[in-house]
């Protein structure tokens, strides 16, 4: 690891692996002292099995017991199940991605939901939190907020964790994160070695200051996390980034084909930022054997990005109206 990456890792990595590690009263005092307003956003598509429990826990712990969170928004991305109804019943505000900034159309993907959420929230600190998590993650929101609340030099915080992998009933304690280890990390170490200390560059849980989030583009697909990391590195520098060890993260593992398509979008986002966008075909071809021979199947993986939210007139009008 390069000396600058090692120095960042040593100085900008903190640990809060459980609720017991959270000093909630201190965070609340820091929030009030800084005059902050905090928004939590959960992007969701067909997550009725998990989103209700996550929402209910945040509402109870971090809105009622400790008023750390001011607004909790679930952005529903064309769910075909009861995701929206379950989230609303659990206490979240819910909005369909297609209903936000309608003049700009609607695209598929997690990044689209996160981008549009900036126009539907008002906090100066924003936490993004996946909706498919399993187990106890009660500490995620306050742990991600802690560096932002206690250090004004920090502008963006990534979660990191160990990721168990369950396949056919067999669980490996740290086998998850295959796209990170086989795609994202090698690319980052090759082109951005200063980021070698980032443990989970594709982590779906992160938090940032709105003043920075609104200045960078958002990839509409699975390139969102690595795109934000690279663009915010460029905007605020390595010293403005931080990471928090959240302990263990569990969710439903995806198939190898799905992970391959995810990796393709990550590669496209990286190549676009490495000045190689013109060389990207935009298609990922995979193969299935139908019993007679191999059959090619191509999926689009090209980078599809929304511009910085601060450039959107409707957003600027909303911000002006809210003071």
Protein backbone atom coordinates (compact mmCIF):
# COMPACT_ATOMS: atom_id res chain seq x y z
CA UNK A 1 0.00 0.00 0.00
CA UNK A 2 1.28 3.46 -0.86
CA UNK A 3 2.24 5.66 2.09
CA UNK A 4 -0.61 8.12 1.41
CA UNK A 5 -3.14 5.29 1.27
CA UNK A 6 -1.75 3.79 4.49
CA UNK A 7 -1.83 7.14 6.26
CA UNK A 8 -5.44 7.65 5.19
CA UNK A 9 -6.39 4.16 6.31
CA UNK A 10 -4.84 4.70 9.74
CA UNK A 11 -6.34 8.15 10.31
CA UNK A 12 -9.73 7.89 8.58
CA UNK A 13 -10.91 4.41 9.60
CA UNK A 14 -13.06 4.16 12.71
CA UNK A 15 -14.97 1.26 14.20
CA UNK A 16 -18.57 0.97 15.39
CA UNK A 17 -19.48 -2.69 14.88
CA UNK A 18 -22.48 -2.72 17.19
CA UNK A 19 -25.04 -0.54 18.90
CA UNK A 20 -22.98 -0.69 22.10
CA UNK A 21 -20.22 1.26 20.34
CA UNK A 22 -22.51 4.21 19.60
CA UNK A 23 -22.54 7.22 21.92
CA UNK A 24 -25.98 8.42 20.89
CA UNK A 25 -26.22 11.39 23.31
CA UNK A 26 -22.87 12.72 22.06
CA UNK A 27 -24.00 12.45 18.44
CA UNK A 28 -27.25 14.24 19.25
CA UNK A 29 -25.32 17.05 20.95
CA UNK A 30 -23.03 17.32 17.92
CA UNK A 31 -26.03 17.45 15.61
CA UNK A 32 -27.64 20.27 17.60
CA UNK A 33 -24.37 22.12 17.99
CA UNK A 34 -23.83 22.07 14.24
CA UNK A 35 -27.43 22.92 13.41
CA UNK A 36 -27.70 19.88 11.15
CA UNK A 37 -30.74 18.32 9.55
CA UNK A 38 -30.38 14.62 8.74
CA UNK A 39 -32.09 12.63 5.99
CA UNK A 40 -31.94 8.86 5.55
CA UNK A 41 -32.77 7.38 2.14
CA UNK A 42 -33.54 3.74 1.38
CA UNK A 43 -33.75 2.89 -2.32
CA UNK A 44 -35.97 -0.14 -2.79
CA UNK A 45 -37.25 -2.43 -5.50
CA UNK A 46 -39.24 -5.52 -4.54
CA UNK A 47 -37.93 -5.52 -0.96
CA UNK A 48 -41.17 -6.12 0.96
CA UNK A 49 -39.50 -8.90 2.95
CA UNK A 50 -36.86 -6.65 4.54
CA UNK A 51 -37.70 -2.97 4.13
CA UNK A 52 -40.40 -2.83 6.83
CA UNK A 53 -38.14 -4.08 9.60
CA UNK A 54 -35.34 -1.70 8.60
CA UNK A 55 -37.67 1.29 8.47
CA UNK A 56 -39.38 0.45 11.76
CA UNK A 57 -36.04 0.15 13.53
CA UNK A 58 -34.74 3.50 12.26
CA UNK A 59 -38.02 5.20 13.15
CA UNK A 60 -38.07 3.76 16.68
CA UNK A 61 -34.40 4.13 17.57
CA UNK A 62 -33.26 7.23 15.67
CA UNK A 63 -36.40 9.31 15.28
CA UNK A 64 -38.46 8.59 18.42
CA UNK A 65 -36.03 7.51 21.16
CA UNK A 66 -33.11 9.62 19.96
CA UNK A 67 -34.17 12.34 17.48
CA UNK A 68 -31.06 12.04 15.35
CA UNK A 69 -32.86 11.51 12.02
CA UNK A 70 -35.25 14.19 10.80
CA UNK A 71 -36.66 12.48 7.73
CA UNK A 72 -36.72 8.92 6.43
CA UNK A 73 -37.51 8.40 2.76
CA UNK A 74 -38.00 5.17 0.82
CA UNK A 75 -37.66 5.68 -2.93
CA UNK A 76 -39.58 2.90 -4.66
CA UNK A 77 -38.10 1.90 -8.02
CA UNK A 78 -40.99 0.29 -9.88
CA UNK A 79 -41.62 -2.46 -7.34
CA UNK A 80 -44.07 -5.17 -8.32
CA UNK A 81 -44.66 -6.28 -4.73
CA UNK A 82 -45.90 -4.50 -1.59
CA UNK A 83 -42.62 -2.67 -0.90
CA UNK A 84 -44.22 0.80 -0.85
CA UNK A 85 -47.14 -0.21 1.38
CA UNK A 86 -44.90 -2.07 3.83
CA UNK A 87 -42.44 0.82 4.09
CA UNK A 88 -45.22 3.36 4.57
CA UNK A 89 -46.89 1.26 7.26
CA UNK A 90 -43.57 1.01 9.10
CA UNK A 91 -43.28 4.80 9.27
CA UNK A 92 -41.31 5.97 6.24
CA UNK A 93 -42.24 8.61 3.74
CA UNK A 94 -42.49 6.78 0.41
CA UNK A 95 -42.24 8.18 -3.10
CA UNK A 96 -42.02 6.48 -6.47
CA UNK A 97 -38.85 7.32 -8.37
CA UNK A 98 -40.96 7.94 -11.47
CA UNK A 99 -42.86 10.71 -9.66
CA UNK A 100 -39.76 12.72 -8.78
CA UNK A 101 -38.58 15.33 -11.29
CA UNK A 102 -41.05 13.94 -13.87
CA UNK A 103 -39.84 16.29 -16.60
CA UNK A 104 -36.53 14.44 -16.57
CA UNK A 105 -38.06 11.02 -17.17
CA UNK A 106 -37.32 7.85 -15.29
CA UNK A 107 -34.48 5.37 -15.66
CA UNK A 108 -33.96 2.02 -14.05
CA UNK A 109 -31.38 1.39 -11.36
CA UNK A 110 -30.42 2.21 -7.82
CA UNK A 111 -28.42 5.29 -8.77
CA UNK A 112 -31.51 6.88 -10.29
CA UNK A 113 -33.39 6.50 -7.01
CA UNK A 114 -30.53 8.01 -5.03
CA UNK A 115 -30.11 10.92 -7.44
CA UNK A 116 -33.81 11.77 -7.35
CA UNK A 117 -33.88 11.44 -3.56
CA UNK A 118 -31.83 14.63 -3.31
CA UNK A 119 -34.82 16.49 -4.74
CA UNK A 120 -37.18 14.91 -2.19
CA UNK A 121 -35.15 15.42 0.99
CA UNK A 122 -33.97 18.50 2.87
CA UNK A 123 -31.15 17.36 5.15
CA UNK A 124 -27.69 18.86 4.88
CA UNK A 125 -26.40 15.41 5.87
CA UNK A 126 -27.73 12.47 3.85
CA UNK A 127 -27.41 8.76 4.65
CA UNK A 128 -27.95 6.18 1.91
CA UNK A 129 -28.90 2.72 3.21
CA UNK A 130 -29.72 -0.44 1.23
CA UNK A 131 -33.13 -2.05 1.78
CA UNK A 132 -32.23 -5.74 1.55
CA UNK A 133 -30.12 -6.11 4.68
CA UNK A 134 -30.57 -9.01 7.08
CA UNK A 135 -29.80 -9.19 10.78
CA UNK A 136 -29.30 -6.37 13.27
CA UNK A 137 -28.06 -3.20 11.55
CA UNK A 138 -29.41 -0.73 14.12
CA UNK A 139 -26.01 0.92 14.45
CA UNK A 140 -25.43 1.62 10.75
CA UNK A 141 -27.10 5.04 10.55
CA UNK A 142 -25.47 6.67 13.61
CA UNK A 143 -22.10 5.08 12.87
CA UNK A 144 -22.06 6.53 9.35
CA UNK A 145 -23.07 9.94 10.67
CA UNK A 146 -20.47 10.09 13.44
CA UNK A 147 -17.48 11.26 11.32
CA UNK A 148 -19.62 13.92 9.62
CA UNK A 149 -20.98 15.20 12.92
CA UNK A 150 -17.65 15.26 14.74
CA UNK A 151 -15.19 16.34 12.04
CA UNK A 152 -16.08 19.17 9.63
CA UNK A 153 -13.19 18.14 7.35
CA UNK A 154 -14.98 14.88 6.49
CA UNK A 155 -17.37 15.16 3.57
CA UNK A 156 -18.16 11.55 2.68
CA UNK A 157 -18.22 8.33 4.73
CA UNK A 158 -18.25 4.77 3.42
CA UNK A 159 -19.38 1.80 5.46
CA UNK A 160 -17.14 -1.26 5.55
CA UNK A 161 -17.71 -4.72 7.00
CA UNK A 162 -17.07 -8.41 6.63
CA UNK A 163 -19.52 -10.09 4.26
CA UNK A 164 -20.49 -13.72 4.81
CA UNK A 165 -21.37 -15.75 1.74
CA UNK A 166 -24.00 -18.51 1.83
CA UNK A 167 -24.10 -20.98 -1.06
CA UNK A 168 -26.22 -24.14 -0.98
CA UNK A 169 -26.60 -23.91 2.79
CA UNK A 170 -22.87 -23.53 3.43
CA UNK A 171 -21.72 -20.19 4.87
CA UNK A 172 -18.25 -18.75 4.55
CA UNK A 173 -17.61 -16.00 7.13
CA UNK A 174 -15.95 -13.62 4.67
CA UNK A 175 -16.69 -14.89 1.17
CA UNK A 176 -19.04 -12.10 0.06
CA UNK A 177 -18.14 -9.04 -1.94
CA UNK A 178 -17.03 -10.97 -5.02
CA UNK A 179 -17.45 -8.03 -7.41
CA UNK A 180 -15.39 -5.89 -5.03
CA UNK A 181 -12.52 -8.35 -4.82
CA UNK A 182 -12.45 -9.50 -8.44
CA UNK A 183 -13.32 -6.24 -10.21
CA UNK A 184 -13.47 -3.01 -8.20
CA UNK A 185 -10.41 -3.40 -5.99
CA UNK A 186 -7.96 -4.38 -8.75
CA UNK A 187 -9.16 -1.47 -10.90
CA UNK A 188 -8.87 1.06 -8.07
CA UNK A 189 -5.43 -0.15 -7.07
CA UNK A 190 -4.27 0.14 -10.68
CA UNK A 191 -5.62 3.62 -11.46
CA UNK A 192 -6.26 5.24 -8.07
CA UNK A 193 -3.71 3.65 -5.68
CA UNK A 194 -4.42 6.36 -3.11
CA UNK A 195 -7.76 4.57 -2.58
CA UNK A 196 -6.11 1.24 -1.75
CA UNK A 197 -7.16 1.69 1.90
CA UNK A 198 -10.88 1.73 1.08
CA UNK A 199 -12.15 -1.61 2.36
CA UNK A 200 -15.57 -1.72 0.68
CA UNK A 201 -15.62 0.64 -2.32
CA UNK A 202 -18.97 -0.82 -3.44
CA UNK A 203 -20.63 -0.65 -0.01
CA UNK A 204 -24.29 0.26 -0.27
CA UNK A 205 -24.29 2.17 3.02
CA UNK A 206 -22.68 5.62 3.02
CA UNK A 207 -23.30 9.20 4.06
CA UNK A 208 -22.28 12.61 2.84
CA UNK A 209 -22.75 16.33 2.99
CA UNK A 210 -25.39 17.54 0.56
CA UNK A 211 -23.16 20.40 -0.59
CA UNK A 212 -20.86 17.77 -2.11
CA UNK A 213 -23.39 15.14 -3.19
CA UNK A 214 -25.26 17.69 -5.29
CA UNK A 215 -22.08 18.59 -7.21
CA UNK A 216 -21.30 15.15 -8.67
CA UNK A 217 -23.05 12.96 -11.28
CA UNK A 218 -24.92 9.81 -10.29
CA UNK A 219 -24.64 6.63 -12.35
CA UNK A 220 -28.08 5.11 -12.77
CA UNK A 221 -27.02 1.48 -12.36
CA UNK A 222 -24.56 -0.49 -10.26
CA UNK A 223 -21.81 1.97 -11.10
CA UNK A 224 -23.28 4.38 -8.54
CA UNK A 225 -21.04 3.51 -5.59
CA UNK A 226 -17.70 3.50 -7.37
CA UNK A 227 -18.69 6.55 -9.41
CA UNK A 228 -19.50 8.55 -6.28
CA UNK A 229 -16.28 7.46 -4.62
CA UNK A 230 -14.12 8.56 -7.55
CA UNK A 231 -15.97 11.79 -8.22
CA UNK A 232 -15.95 12.81 -4.56
CA UNK A 233 -12.25 11.98 -4.35
CA UNK A 234 -11.75 14.43 -7.20
CA UNK A 235 -14.01 17.03 -5.59
CA UNK A 236 -12.93 17.00 -1.94
CA UNK A 237 -9.68 15.04 -1.91
CA UNK A 238 -8.61 11.93 -0.06
CA UNK A 239 -8.58 13.71 3.31
CA UNK A 240 -12.29 14.47 2.92
CA UNK A 241 -13.17 10.78 2.78
CA UNK A 242 -13.59 8.40 5.73
CA UNK A 243 -14.78 4.87 6.44
CA UNK A 244 -16.44 3.14 9.38
CA UNK A 245 -16.19 -0.55 10.25
CA UNK A 246 -19.82 -1.60 10.78
CA UNK A 247 -19.06 -5.20 11.71
CA UNK A 248 -20.97 -7.72 9.59
CA UNK A 249 -23.29 -7.19 6.63
CA UNK A 250 -25.70 -9.88 5.48
CA UNK A 251 -28.01 -9.85 2.51
CA UNK A 252 -29.30 -12.27 -0.10
CA UNK A 253 -26.47 -13.27 -2.43
CA UNK A 254 -26.97 -12.87 -6.16
CA UNK A 255 -26.28 -15.36 -8.92
CA UNK A 256 -23.01 -15.43 -10.83
CA UNK A 257 -24.75 -14.08 -13.96
CA UNK A 258 -26.19 -11.14 -12.00
CA UNK A 259 -22.82 -10.41 -10.42
CA UNK A 260 -21.20 -10.45 -13.86
CA UNK A 261 -23.63 -7.81 -15.11
CA UNK A 262 -22.97 -5.78 -11.97
CA UNK A 263 -19.24 -6.02 -12.60
CA UNK A 264 -19.75 -4.87 -16.17
CA UNK A 265 -21.45 -1.69 -14.97
CA UNK A 266 -18.70 -1.10 -12.41
CA UNK A 267 -16.06 -1.46 -15.13
CA UNK A 268 -17.92 0.98 -17.38
CA UNK A 269 -18.09 3.58 -14.60
CA UNK A 270 -14.39 3.17 -13.85
CA UNK A 271 -13.31 3.34 -17.49
CA UNK A 272 -15.37 6.48 -18.05
CA UNK A 273 -13.51 8.16 -15.21
CA UNK A 274 -10.16 6.82 -16.36
CA UNK A 275 -10.60 8.55 -19.69
CA UNK A 276 -11.42 5.31 -21.50
CA UNK A 277 -15.15 5.82 -22.06
CA UNK A 278 -14.82 5.78 -25.83
CA UNK A 279 -13.42 2.24 -25.74
CA UNK A 280 -16.40 0.72 -23.88
CA UNK A 281 -18.71 -1.38 -26.07
CA UNK A 282 -21.68 -0.92 -23.77
CA UNK A 283 -22.60 -4.62 -23.92
CA UNK A 284 -21.65 -7.60 -21.79
CA UNK A 285 -21.97 -10.94 -23.58
CA UNK A 286 -22.52 -14.04 -21.45
CA UNK A 287 -23.06 -17.64 -22.54
CA UNK A 288 -25.51 -20.39 -21.66
CA UNK A 289 -25.39 -23.99 -22.83
CA UNK A 290 -28.78 -25.19 -24.05
CA UNK A 291 -27.79 -28.83 -24.31
CA UNK A 292 -26.75 -28.50 -27.92
CA UNK A 293 -24.24 -25.67 -27.80
CA UNK A 294 -23.36 -22.33 -26.29
CA UNK A 295 -25.87 -19.53 -26.76
CA UNK A 296 -24.66 -15.91 -26.41
CA UNK A 297 -26.75 -13.43 -24.46
CA UNK A 298 -25.85 -9.72 -24.32
CA UNK A 299 -26.88 -7.19 -21.66
CA UNK A 300 -26.32 -3.42 -21.66
CA UNK A 301 -23.73 -2.27 -19.12
CA UNK A 302 -22.87 1.16 -20.52
CA UNK A 303 -22.57 4.07 -18.13
CA UNK A 304 -25.84 6.02 -17.87
CA UNK A 305 -25.36 9.05 -15.69
CA UNK A 306 -27.48 11.83 -14.30
CA UNK A 307 -25.80 15.25 -14.12
CA UNK A 308 -24.97 16.91 -10.81
CA UNK A 309 -28.24 17.73 -9.07
CA UNK A 310 -27.09 21.30 -8.50
CA UNK A 311 -27.39 21.87 -12.26
CA UNK A 312 -31.10 20.94 -12.35
CA UNK A 313 -33.33 24.07 -12.37
CA UNK A 314 -36.20 22.38 -10.50
CA UNK A 315 -33.83 21.32 -7.74
CA UNK A 316 -32.37 24.80 -7.40
CA UNK A 317 -35.90 26.18 -7.14
CA UNK A 318 -36.76 23.68 -4.42
CA UNK A 319 -33.61 24.55 -2.47
CA UNK A 320 -34.32 28.28 -2.77
CA UNK A 321 -37.90 27.80 -1.60
CA UNK A 322 -36.78 25.79 1.43
CA UNK A 323 -34.48 28.60 2.51
